[in-house]
PDB file of N, CA and C in Angstrom:
ATOM      1  N   MET A   1      89.930 -80.607 -58.761  1.00  0.00           N
ATOM      2  CA  MET A   1      88.303 -80.690 -58.772  1.00  0.00           C
ATOM      3  C   MET A   1      88.384 -81.880 -57.629  1.00  0.00           C
ATOM      4  N   THR A   2      87.374 -81.649 -56.587  1.00  0.00           N
ATOM      5  CA  THR A   2      87.500 -83.090 -55.809  1.00  0.00           C
ATOM      6  C   THR A   2      86.163 -84.205 -56.498  1.00  0.00           C
ATOM      7  N   ALA A   3      86.621 -85.180 -56.055  1.00  0.00           N
ATOM      8  CA  ALA A   3      86.502 -86.722 -56.830  1.00  0.00           C
ATOM      9  C   ALA A   3      84.782 -86.541 -55.994  1.00  0.00           C
ATOM     10  N   PRO A   4      83.704 -86.859 -56.679  1.00  0.00           N
ATOM     11  CA  PRO A   4      82.508 -87.458 -56.093  1.00  0.00           C
ATOM     12  C   PRO A   4      82.560 -88.374 -54.936  1.00  0.00           C
ATOM     13  N   LYS A   5      81.595 -88.224 -53.751  1.00  0.00           N
ATOM     14  CA  LYS A   5      81.383 -89.190 -52.746  1.00  0.00           C
ATOM     15  C   LYS A   5      80.018 -90.118 -52.895  1.00  0.00           C
ATOM     16  N   TYR A   6      80.342 -91.154 -52.978  1.00  0.00           N
ATOM     17  CA  TYR A   6      79.142 -91.876 -52.969  1.00  0.00           C
ATOM     18  C   TYR A   6      78.531 -92.646 -51.785  1.00  0.00           C
ATOM     19  N   LEU A   7      77.492 -92.647 -51.709  1.00  0.00           N
ATOM     20  CA  LEU A   7      76.935 -93.676 -50.582  1.00  0.00           C
ATOM     21  C   LEU A   7      75.656 -94.651 -50.753  1.00  0.00           C
ATOM     22  N   HIS A   8      76.213 -95.736 -50.685  1.00  0.00           N
ATOM     23  CA  HIS A   8      75.637 -97.113 -51.019  1.00  0.00           C
ATOM     24  C   HIS A   8      74.803 -97.340 -49.287  1.00  0.00           C
ATOM     25  N   PHE A   9      73.607 -97.354 -49.304  1.00  0.00           N
ATOM     26  CA  PHE A   9      72.444 -97.781 -48.221  1.00  0.00           C
ATOM     27  C   PHE A   9      71.918 -98.955 -48.208  1.00  0.00           C
ATOM     28  N   THR A  10      71.617 -99.649 -47.315  1.00  0.00           N
ATOM     29  CA  THR A  10      70.802-101.098 -47.776  1.00  0.00           C
ATOM     30  C   THR A  10      70.564-101.404 -46.006  1.00  0.00           C
ATOM     31  N   LEU A  11      69.392-101.585 -45.911  1.00  0.00           N
ATOM     32  CA  LEU A  11      68.147-101.629 -45.219  1.00  0.00           C
ATOM     33  C   LEU A  11      68.005-102.964 -44.727  1.00  0.00           C
ATOM     34  N   GLY A  12      68.391-104.011 -44.038  1.00  0.00           N
ATOM     35  CA  GLY A  12      68.259-105.864 -43.958  1.00  0.00           C
ATOM     36  C   GLY A  12      68.796-106.154 -42.989  1.00  0.00           C
ATOM     37  N   PRO A  13      68.414-107.471 -42.770  1.00  0.00           N
ATOM     38  CA  PRO A  13      67.742-108.093 -44.089  1.00  0.00           C
ATOM     39  C   PRO A  13      66.404-108.186 -43.800  1.00  0.00           C
ATOM     40  N   VAL A  14      65.896-108.038 -45.116  1.00  0.00           N
ATOM     41  CA  VAL A  14      64.704-107.719 -45.366  1.00  0.00           C
ATOM     42  C   VAL A  14      63.484-109.304 -45.249  1.00  0.00           C
ATOM     43  N   GLN A  15      64.080-110.253 -45.598  1.00  0.00           N
ATOM     44  CA  GLN A  15      62.936-111.231 -45.857  1.00  0.00           C
ATOM     45  C   GLN A  15      62.829-111.599 -44.089  1.00  0.00           C
ATOM     46  N   GLU A  16      64.149-111.834 -43.826  1.00  0.00           N
ATOM     47  CA  GLU A  16      64.135-112.270 -41.878  1.00  0.00           C
ATOM     48  C   GLU A  16      63.075-111.494 -41.317  1.00  0.00           C
ATOM     49  N   PHE A  17      62.810-110.012 -41.387  1.00  0.00           N
ATOM     50  CA  PHE A  17      61.888-109.241 -40.557  1.00  0.00           C
ATOM     51  C   PHE A  17      60.941-109.661 -41.288  1.00  0.00           C
ATOM     52  N   VAL A  18      60.560-109.380 -42.412  1.00  0.00           N
ATOM     53  CA  VAL A  18      59.006-109.610 -42.935  1.00  0.00           C
ATOM     54  C   VAL A  18      58.695-111.137 -42.649  1.00  0.00           C
ATOM     55  N   ALA A  19      59.161-111.973 -42.810  1.00  0.00           N
ATOM     56  CA  ALA A  19      58.762-113.033 -42.796  1.00  0.00           C
ATOM     57  C   ALA A  19      58.353-113.512 -41.264  1.00  0.00           C
ATOM     58  N   GLN A  20      58.207-112.685 -40.580  1.00  0.00           N
ATOM     59  CA  GLN A  20      58.295-113.453 -38.863  1.00  0.00           C
ATOM     60  C   GLN A  20      56.059-112.333 -39.150  1.00  0.00           C
ATOM     61  N   ALA A  21      56.318-111.984 -39.976  1.00  0.00           N
ATOM     62  CA  ALA A  21      54.713-111.483 -39.932  1.00  0.00           C
ATOM     63  C   ALA A  21      53.559-112.832 -39.781  1.00  0.00           C
ATOM     64  N   ARG A  22      53.151-112.358 -39.172  1.00  0.00           N
ATOM     65  CA  ARG A  22      51.710-113.870 -38.207  1.00  0.00           C
ATOM     66  C   ARG A  22      50.227-113.789 -39.652  1.00  0.00           C
ATOM     67  N   ARG A  23      50.276-112.038 -39.592  1.00  0.00           N
ATOM     68  CA  ARG A  23      49.190-111.653 -40.236  1.00  0.00           C
ATOM     69  C   ARG A  23      49.462-110.719 -41.410  1.00  0.00           C
ATOM     70  N   THR A  24      48.448-110.719 -42.557  1.00  0.00           N
ATOM     71  CA  THR A  24      48.647-109.845 -43.634  1.00  0.00           C
ATOM     72  C   THR A  24      48.942-108.821 -43.180  1.00  0.00           C
ATOM     73  N   ARG A  25      48.453-108.087 -42.256  1.00  0.00           N
ATOM     74  CA  ARG A  25      48.115-106.743 -41.380  1.00  0.00           C
ATOM     75  C   ARG A  25      49.643-106.133 -40.985  1.00  0.00           C
ATOM     76  N   ASP A  26      50.554-107.599 -40.744  1.00  0.00           N
ATOM     77  CA  ASP A  26      51.549-107.356 -39.890  1.00  0.00           C
ATOM     78  C   ASP A  26      52.861-107.699 -40.921  1.00  0.00           C
ATOM     79  N   PHE A  27      52.790-108.582 -42.093  1.00  0.00           N
ATOM     80  CA  PHE A  27      53.067-108.622 -42.968  1.00  0.00           C
ATOM     81  C   PHE A  27      53.342-107.001 -43.914  1.00  0.00           C
ATOM     82  N   TRP A  28      52.149-106.621 -43.801  1.00  0.00           N
ATOM     83  CA  TRP A  28      52.146-105.042 -44.353  1.00  0.00           C
ATOM     84  C   TRP A  28      53.033-104.028 -43.858  1.00  0.00           C
ATOM     85  N   ALA A  29      52.666-103.844 -42.605  1.00  0.00           N
ATOM     86  CA  ALA A  29      53.148-103.161 -41.515  1.00  0.00           C
ATOM     87  C   ALA A  29      54.752-103.234 -41.076  1.00  0.00           C
ATOM     88  N   GLY A  30      55.324-104.122 -41.363  1.00  0.00           N
ATOM     89  CA  GLY A  30      56.775-104.650 -41.595  1.00  0.00           C
ATOM     90  C   GLY A  30      57.444-103.793 -43.010  1.00  0.00           C
ATOM     91  N   SER A  31      56.666-104.492 -43.935  1.00  0.00           N
ATOM     92  CA  SER A  31      56.866-103.729 -45.344  1.00  0.00           C
ATOM     93  C   SER A  31      56.849-102.279 -45.361  1.00  0.00           C
ATOM     94  N   PHE A  32      56.126-101.651 -44.981  1.00  0.00           N
ATOM     95  CA  PHE A  32      55.541-100.077 -44.767  1.00  0.00           C
ATOM     96  C   PHE A  32      56.439 -99.258 -44.135  1.00  0.00           C
ATOM     97  N   LEU A  33      57.163-100.164 -42.619  1.00  0.00           N
ATOM     98  CA  LEU A  33      58.046 -99.791 -41.789  1.00  0.00           C
ATOM     99  C   LEU A  33      59.741 -99.460 -42.695  1.00  0.00           C
ATOM    100  N   LEU A  34      59.670-100.928 -43.198  1.00  0.00           N
ATOM    101  CA  LEU A  34      61.149-100.857 -44.041  1.00  0.00           C
ATOM    102  C   LEU A  34      61.348 -99.525 -45.128  1.00  0.00           C
ATOM    103  N   SER A  35      60.273 -99.330 -45.895  1.00  0.00           N
ATOM    104  CA  SER A  35      60.116 -98.409 -47.063  1.00  0.00           C
ATOM    105  C   SER A  35      60.481 -97.077 -46.313  1.00  0.00           C
ATOM    106  N   TRP A  36      59.520 -96.750 -45.108  1.00  0.00           N
ATOM    107  CA  TRP A  36      59.607 -95.111 -44.193  1.00  0.00           C
ATOM    108  C   TRP A  36      61.062 -94.951 -44.193  1.00  0.00           C
ATOM    109  N   LEU A  37      61.391 -96.116 -43.282  1.00  0.00           N
ATOM    110  CA  LEU A  37      63.177 -95.817 -42.639  1.00  0.00           C
ATOM    111  C   LEU A  37      64.037 -95.354 -44.001  1.00  0.00           C
ATOM    112  N   SER A  38      63.439 -96.129 -44.850  1.00  0.00           N
ATOM    113  CA  SER A  38      64.947 -95.980 -46.316  1.00  0.00           C
ATOM    114  C   SER A  38      64.365 -94.342 -46.824  1.00  0.00           C
ATOM    115  N   ALA A  39      62.927 -94.239 -46.958  1.00  0.00           N
ATOM    116  CA  ALA A  39      62.532 -93.124 -47.258  1.00  0.00           C
ATOM    117  C   ALA A  39      63.439 -91.802 -46.186  1.00  0.00           C
ATOM    118  N   ILE A  40      63.275 -91.829 -45.127  1.00  0.00           N
ATOM    119  CA  ILE A  40      63.773 -91.216 -43.868  1.00  0.00           C
ATOM    120  C   ILE A  40      65.377 -90.939 -44.291  1.00  0.00           C
ATOM    121  N   ALA A  41      65.475 -91.990 -44.405  1.00  0.00           N
ATOM    122  CA  ALA A  41      67.294 -92.083 -44.794  1.00  0.00           C
ATOM    123  C   ALA A  41      67.635 -91.299 -46.546  1.00  0.00           C
ATOM    124  N   MET A  42      66.770 -90.921 -47.016  1.00  0.00           N
ATOM    125  CA  MET A  42      66.851 -90.559 -48.379  1.00  0.00           C
ATOM    126  C   MET A  42      66.643 -89.227 -48.342  1.00  0.00           C
ATOM    127  N   LYS A  43      65.818 -88.549 -47.467  1.00  0.00           N
ATOM    128  CA  LYS A  43      65.118 -87.246 -47.583  1.00  0.00           C
ATOM    129  C   LYS A  43      66.650 -86.849 -46.253  1.00  0.00           C
ATOM    130  N   THR A  44      67.037 -87.524 -45.065  1.00  0.00           N
ATOM    131  CA  THR A  44      68.242 -86.781 -44.667  1.00  0.00           C
ATOM    132  C   THR A  44      69.286 -86.474 -45.594  1.00  0.00           C
ATOM    133  N   VAL A  45      69.781 -87.812 -46.520  1.00  0.00           N
ATOM    134  CA  VAL A  45      70.482 -87.132 -47.543  1.00  0.00           C
ATOM    135  C   VAL A  45      70.444 -86.078 -48.664  1.00  0.00           C
ATOM    136  N   GLU A  46      68.965 -85.964 -48.798  1.00  0.00           N
ATOM    137  CA  GLU A  46      68.935 -84.935 -49.333  1.00  0.00           C
ATOM    138  C   GLU A  46      69.040 -83.480 -48.730  1.00  0.00           C
ATOM    139  N   ASN A  47      68.573 -83.736 -47.492  1.00  0.00           N
ATOM    140  CA  ASN A  47      68.983 -82.319 -46.459  1.00  0.00           C
ATOM    141  C   ASN A  47      70.138 -81.632 -46.642  1.00  0.00           C
ATOM    142  N   ALA A  48      70.955 -82.894 -46.841  1.00  0.00           N
ATOM    143  CA  ALA A  48      72.419 -82.605 -46.159  1.00  0.00           C
ATOM    144  C   ALA A  48      73.172 -82.013 -47.502  1.00  0.00           C
ATOM    145  N   GLY A  49      72.441 -81.965 -48.890  1.00  0.00           N
ATOM    146  CA  GLY A  49      73.097 -81.784 -49.684  1.00  0.00           C
ATOM    147  C   GLY A  49      73.154 -83.009 -50.982  1.00  0.00           C
ATOM    148  N   GLY A  50      72.655 -84.087 -50.542  1.00  0.00           N
ATOM    149  CA  GLY A  50      73.406 -85.105 -51.364  1.00  0.00           C
ATOM    150  C   GLY A  50      72.147 -85.041 -52.477  1.00  0.00           C
ATOM    151  N   GLU A  51      72.532 -85.777 -53.706  1.00  0.00           N
ATOM    152  CA  GLU A  51      71.188 -86.405 -54.419  1.00  0.00           C
ATOM    153  C   GLU A  51      71.206 -87.906 -54.801  1.00  0.00           C
ATOM    154  N   ILE A  52      69.859 -88.610 -54.660  1.00  0.00           N
ATOM    155  CA  ILE A  52      69.893 -89.596 -55.095  1.00  0.00           C
ATOM    156  C   ILE A  52      69.684 -89.956 -56.230  1.00  0.00           C
ATOM    157  N   ILE A  53      70.937 -91.339 -56.373  1.00  0.00           N
ATOM    158  CA  ILE A  53      70.904 -91.516 -57.848  1.00  0.00           C
ATOM    159  C   ILE A  53      70.204 -92.523 -58.411  1.00  0.00           C
ATOM    160  N   PHE A  54      69.980 -93.442 -57.731  1.00  0.00           N
ATOM    161  CA  PHE A  54      69.003 -94.518 -57.816  1.00  0.00           C
ATOM    162  C   PHE A  54      68.455 -95.374 -56.496  1.00  0.00           C
ATOM    163  N   PRO A  55      67.087 -95.967 -56.412  1.00  0.00           N
ATOM    164  CA  PRO A  55      66.421 -95.529 -57.388  1.00  0.00           C
ATOM    165  C   PRO A  55      65.584 -94.183 -57.404  1.00  0.00           C
ATOM    166  N   MET A  56      64.836 -93.868 -57.982  1.00  0.00           N
ATOM    167  CA  MET A  56      64.423 -92.377 -58.086  1.00  0.00           C
ATOM    168  C   MET A  56      63.434 -92.642 -56.833  1.00  0.00           C
ATOM    169  N   PRO A  57      62.730 -91.935 -55.577  1.00  0.00           N
ATOM    170  CA  PRO A  57      61.907 -92.633 -54.918  1.00  0.00           C
ATOM    171  C   PRO A  57      60.345 -91.916 -55.278  1.00  0.00           C
ATOM    172  N   ASP A  58      58.841 -92.252 -54.901  1.00  0.00           N
ATOM    173  CA  ASP A  58      58.151 -91.965 -55.666  1.00  0.00           C
ATOM    174  C   ASP A  58      57.785 -90.654 -55.031  1.00  0.00           C
ATOM    175  N   PRO A  59      57.548 -89.418 -55.709  1.00  0.00           N
ATOM    176  CA  PRO A  59      57.531 -87.933 -54.963  1.00  0.00           C
ATOM    177  C   PRO A  59      56.313 -87.656 -54.074  1.00  0.00           C
ATOM    178  N   GLY A  60      55.336 -88.564 -54.291  1.00  0.00           N
ATOM    179  CA  GLY A  60      54.112 -88.608 -53.428  1.00  0.00           C
ATOM    180  C   GLY A  60      54.481 -89.244 -52.041  1.00  0.00           C
ATOM    181  N   PHE A  61      54.709 -90.142 -51.877  1.00  0.00           N
ATOM    182  CA  PHE A  61      55.420 -90.963 -50.675  1.00  0.00           C
ATOM    183  C   PHE A  61      56.604 -89.978 -49.952  1.00  0.00           C
ATOM    184  N   MET A  62      57.339 -89.163 -50.869  1.00  0.00           N
ATOM    185  CA  MET A  62      58.740 -88.247 -50.347  1.00  0.00           C
ATOM    186  C   MET A  62      57.679 -87.079 -49.762  1.00  0.00           C
ATOM    187  N   ALA A  63      56.856 -86.580 -50.451  1.00  0.00           N
ATOM    188  CA  ALA A  63      56.174 -85.438 -49.903  1.00  0.00           C
ATOM    189  C   ALA A  63      55.492 -85.900 -48.050  1.00  0.00           C
ATOM    190  N   ALA A  64      54.923 -86.927 -48.065  1.00  0.00           N
ATOM    191  CA  ALA A  64      54.003 -87.321 -46.940  1.00  0.00           C
ATOM    192  C   ALA A  64      55.340 -87.107 -45.965  1.00  0.00           C
ATOM    193  N   LEU A  65      56.761 -87.317 -45.951  1.00  0.00           N
ATOM    194  CA  LEU A  65      57.759 -87.137 -45.087  1.00  0.00           C
ATOM    195  C   LEU A  65      57.804 -85.840 -44.642  1.00  0.00           C
ATOM    196  N   THR A  66      57.447 -84.864 -45.523  1.00  0.00           N
ATOM    197  CA  THR A  66      58.278 -83.750 -45.384  1.00  0.00           C
ATOM    198  C   THR A  66      56.647 -82.698 -44.980  1.00  0.00           C
ATOM    199  N   GLN A  67      55.455 -83.090 -45.165  1.00  0.00           N
ATOM    200  CA  GLN A  67      54.473 -82.790 -44.696  1.00  0.00           C
ATOM    201  C   GLN A  67      53.747 -82.992 -43.432  1.00  0.00           C
ATOM    202  N   GLY A  68      54.923 -84.375 -42.889  1.00  0.00           N
ATOM    203  CA  GLY A  68      54.075 -84.704 -41.577  1.00  0.00           C
ATOM    204  C   GLY A  68      52.748 -85.164 -41.644  1.00  0.00           C
ATOM    205  N   ASN A  69      52.507 -85.853 -42.899  1.00  0.00           N
ATOM    206  CA  ASN A  69      51.184 -86.247 -42.585  1.00  0.00           C
ATOM    207  C   ASN A  69      51.078 -87.666 -43.259  1.00  0.00           C
ATOM    208  N   ALA A  70      51.256 -88.902 -41.929  1.00  0.00           N
ATOM    209  CA  ALA A  70      51.010 -90.152 -42.024  1.00  0.00           C
ATOM    210  C   ALA A  70      49.960 -90.379 -42.282  1.00  0.00           C
ATOM    211  N   SER A  71      48.639 -89.615 -42.309  1.00  0.00           N
ATOM    212  CA  SER A  71      47.177 -90.189 -42.796  1.00  0.00           C
ATOM    213  C   SER A  71      47.324 -90.050 -44.652  1.00  0.00           C
ATOM    214  N   SER A  72      48.281 -88.827 -44.873  1.00  0.00           N
ATOM    215  CA  SER A  72      48.073 -88.595 -46.213  1.00  0.00           C
ATOM    216  C   SER A  72      47.651 -90.113 -47.395  1.00  0.00           C
ATOM    217  N   GLN A  73      47.175 -89.919 -48.589  1.00  0.00           N
ATOM    218  CA  GLN A  73      46.990 -90.629 -49.672  1.00  0.00           C
ATOM    219  C   GLN A  73      48.200 -91.130 -49.881  1.00  0.00           C
ATOM    220  N   ASN A  74      49.375 -90.445 -50.130  1.00  0.00           N
ATOM    221  CA  ASN A  74      50.474 -90.651 -50.345  1.00  0.00           C
ATOM    222  C   ASN A  74      51.305 -91.897 -49.643  1.00  0.00           C
ATOM    223  N   SER A  75      50.814 -92.048 -48.687  1.00  0.00           N
ATOM    224  CA  SER A  75      51.911 -92.505 -47.347  1.00  0.00           C
ATOM    225  C   SER A  75      51.204 -93.785 -47.313  1.00  0.00           C
ATOM    226  N   LYS A  76      49.563 -94.173 -47.860  1.00  0.00           N
ATOM    227  CA  LYS A  76      49.095 -95.444 -47.744  1.00  0.00           C
ATOM    228  C   LYS A  76      49.816 -96.763 -47.966  1.00  0.00           C
ATOM    229  N   GLN A  77      51.058 -96.568 -48.753  1.00  0.00           N
ATOM    230  CA  GLN A  77      51.782 -97.836 -49.297  1.00  0.00           C
ATOM    231  C   GLN A  77      53.342 -97.393 -49.343  1.00  0.00           C
ATOM    232  N   GLY A  78      54.188 -98.230 -48.995  1.00  0.00           N
ATOM    233  CA  GLY A  78      55.354 -98.144 -48.960  1.00  0.00           C
ATOM    234  C   GLY A  78      56.120 -98.232 -50.531  1.00  0.00           C
ATOM    235  N   THR A  79      56.810 -97.277 -51.188  1.00  0.00           N
ATOM    236  CA  THR A  79      56.883 -97.718 -52.603  1.00  0.00           C
ATOM    237  C   THR A  79      58.509 -97.403 -52.566  1.00  0.00           C
ATOM    238  N   VAL A  80      59.651 -97.056 -51.413  1.00  0.00           N
ATOM    239  CA  VAL A  80      60.714 -96.983 -51.649  1.00  0.00           C
ATOM    240  C   VAL A  80      61.212 -98.251 -51.516  1.00  0.00           C
ATOM    241  N   PRO A  81      62.346 -98.785 -52.169  1.00  0.00           N
ATOM    242  CA  PRO A  81      63.087 -99.900 -51.583  1.00  0.00           C
ATOM    243  C   PRO A  81      63.608-100.011 -50.217  1.00  0.00           C
ATOM    244  N   ASN A  82      64.642-100.997 -49.645  1.00  0.00           N
ATOM    245  CA  ASN A  82      65.197-101.097 -48.966  1.00  0.00           C
ATOM    246  C   ASN A  82      66.974-100.232 -48.987  1.00  0.00           C
ATOM    247  N   ARG A  83      67.168-100.107 -50.165  1.00  0.00           N
ATOM    248  CA  ARG A  83      68.338 -99.708 -50.533  1.00  0.00           C
ATOM    249  C   ARG A  83      68.296 -98.573 -51.344  1.00  0.00           C
ATOM    250  N   PHE A  84      69.774 -97.709 -51.666  1.00  0.00           N
ATOM    251  CA  PHE A  84      69.368 -96.911 -52.797  1.00  0.00           C
ATOM    252  C   PHE A  84      71.184 -96.317 -52.687  1.00  0.00           C
ATOM    253  N   MET A  85      71.087 -95.385 -53.743  1.00  0.00           N
ATOM    254  CA  MET A  85      72.810 -95.010 -53.898  1.00  0.00           C
ATOM    255  C   MET A  85      72.834 -93.313 -54.331  1.00  0.00           C
ATOM    256  N   ALA A  86      73.554 -93.007 -53.384  1.00  0.00           N
ATOM    257  CA  ALA A  86      73.236 -90.996 -53.282  1.00  0.00           C
ATOM    258  C   ALA A  86      75.102 -90.833 -53.735  1.00  0.00           C
ATOM    259  N   GLU A  87      74.956 -89.544 -54.304  1.00  0.00           N
ATOM    260  CA  GLU A  87      75.904 -88.705 -54.249  1.00  0.00           C
ATOM    261  C   GLU A  87      75.951 -87.914 -53.025  1.00  0.00           C
ATOM    262  N   ILE A  88      76.842 -87.635 -52.366  1.00  0.00           N
ATOM    263  CA  ILE A  88      77.261 -86.821 -51.595  1.00  0.00           C
ATOM    264  C   ILE A  88      78.008 -86.060 -51.261  1.00  0.00           C
ATOM    265  N   PRO A  89      77.840 -84.555 -50.955  1.00  0.00           N
ATOM    266  CA  PRO A  89      79.026 -84.035 -50.964  1.00  0.00           C
ATOM    267  C   PRO A  89      80.339 -84.232 -50.238  1.00  0.00           C
ATOM    268  N   ALA A  90      81.379 -83.448 -50.879  1.00  0.00           N
ATOM    269  CA  ALA A  90      82.516 -84.270 -50.162  1.00  0.00           C
ATOM    270  C   ALA A  90      82.946 -84.006 -48.649  1.00  0.00           C
ATOM    271  N   ALA A  91      81.908 -82.830 -48.043  1.00  0.00           N
ATOM    272  CA  ALA A  91      82.628 -81.974 -46.828  1.00  0.00           C
ATOM    273  C   ALA A  91      81.438 -82.956 -45.499  1.00  0.00           C
ATOM    274  N   MET A  92      80.674 -83.963 -45.973  1.00  0.00           N
ATOM    275  CA  MET A  92      79.323 -84.886 -45.486  1.00  0.00           C
ATOM    276  C   MET A  92      79.923 -85.506 -44.820  1.00  0.00           C
ATOM    277  N   ASP A  93      79.754 -85.289 -43.323  1.00  0.00           N
ATOM    278  CA  ASP A  93      80.036 -86.332 -42.194  1.00  0.00           C
ATOM    279  C   ASP A  93      79.550 -87.355 -42.201  1.00  0.00           C
ATOM    280  N   MET A  94      80.052 -88.685 -42.228  1.00  0.00           N
ATOM    281  CA  MET A  94      79.333 -89.814 -42.487  1.00  0.00           C
ATOM    282  C   MET A  94      79.294 -90.248 -41.107  1.00  0.00           C
ATOM    283  N   GLU A  95      79.305 -89.881 -40.067  1.00  0.00           N
ATOM    284  CA  GLU A  95      79.818 -90.396 -38.686  1.00  0.00           C
ATOM    285  C   GLU A  95      78.339 -90.171 -37.756  1.00  0.00           C
TER     286      GLU A  95
END
């Protein structure tokens, strides 16, 4: 039996990126962007046959990715953190 492979994903540095905001809407946009990018990475892992171990992403926010509806009520607030851990298939290409 093949030992499982794990992926530890971190997107950052978050504080330096978000700290550049000059207005509240800029702060929100930067935070949302980081959440959205992490969610895209999670969805990519799931589509390749991987399984997110932690944290469990908000189903509504993740559904907005598959529906392609950025104006959905589910995507108004970024709820996915900038890091996650996933179990990935042994054959998954990491390049």
